[in-house]
Amino acid sequence: MPRFTKKTRNEYIQGKLGQYSKLGTPDLQYQCWMANIYPTKDSLERIREMQGEGLKNVLKKEEDGYFTRFRCPTFRTRKDGTVWTFTPPKIEDINGRPIDGDIVGAGSDVTLKLEVYEHPTPSGGRAIAARLVGVRVDNLVEFNPDIDLDDEGKEQVKGLREAPPLF
């Protein structure tokens, strides 16, 4: 796990969780945990301020408003060959009790805890990046595969509810 330095700070972003978020089980294709969020007005302004500092996360607009994605990789290989492994984001309810990230569905009101850190750019300048380290669920909307999965995901989980347990 990376060390906390003077060039690292915590930021909190509030909003509604979007579809395709992976909080409990990492996304195996991209090897990361991720949260798609529709930020509140204040959080949207804060994200734009961070973009002014060099944050590369893109704000996209759709009919529901602006959204962006914050991620945490499961590991990172450095140039010297060492491998950093990252812990999953800490998921808790509004009272601070841990909850399973797999039950948090799209539409949940959340507060994301981001670790914002500086890094050098290829041109010799400095920029910032944000890593997802925690999620507080302020209003839980339970995961519903009919809403939270695309057609491919629905096909993958088809029949799992009816299947007998493995053990």
Foldseek 3Di string as FASTA:
>chain_A
DDDDDPQKDKDKWWFWWAFPAAQFDADPVQQKGKTKGQTDPVRVVVVVVQVVQPEPWDWDQDPVGTITMAIAHQWDQDPVGDIGGDDGAFEEEPVRHGDRPQFAATGFIKMWMWIKGWDADPVGHIHIYIHTRYMYGHGGDTHDCVPRDDPVSCVVCPPVVVDDDPD
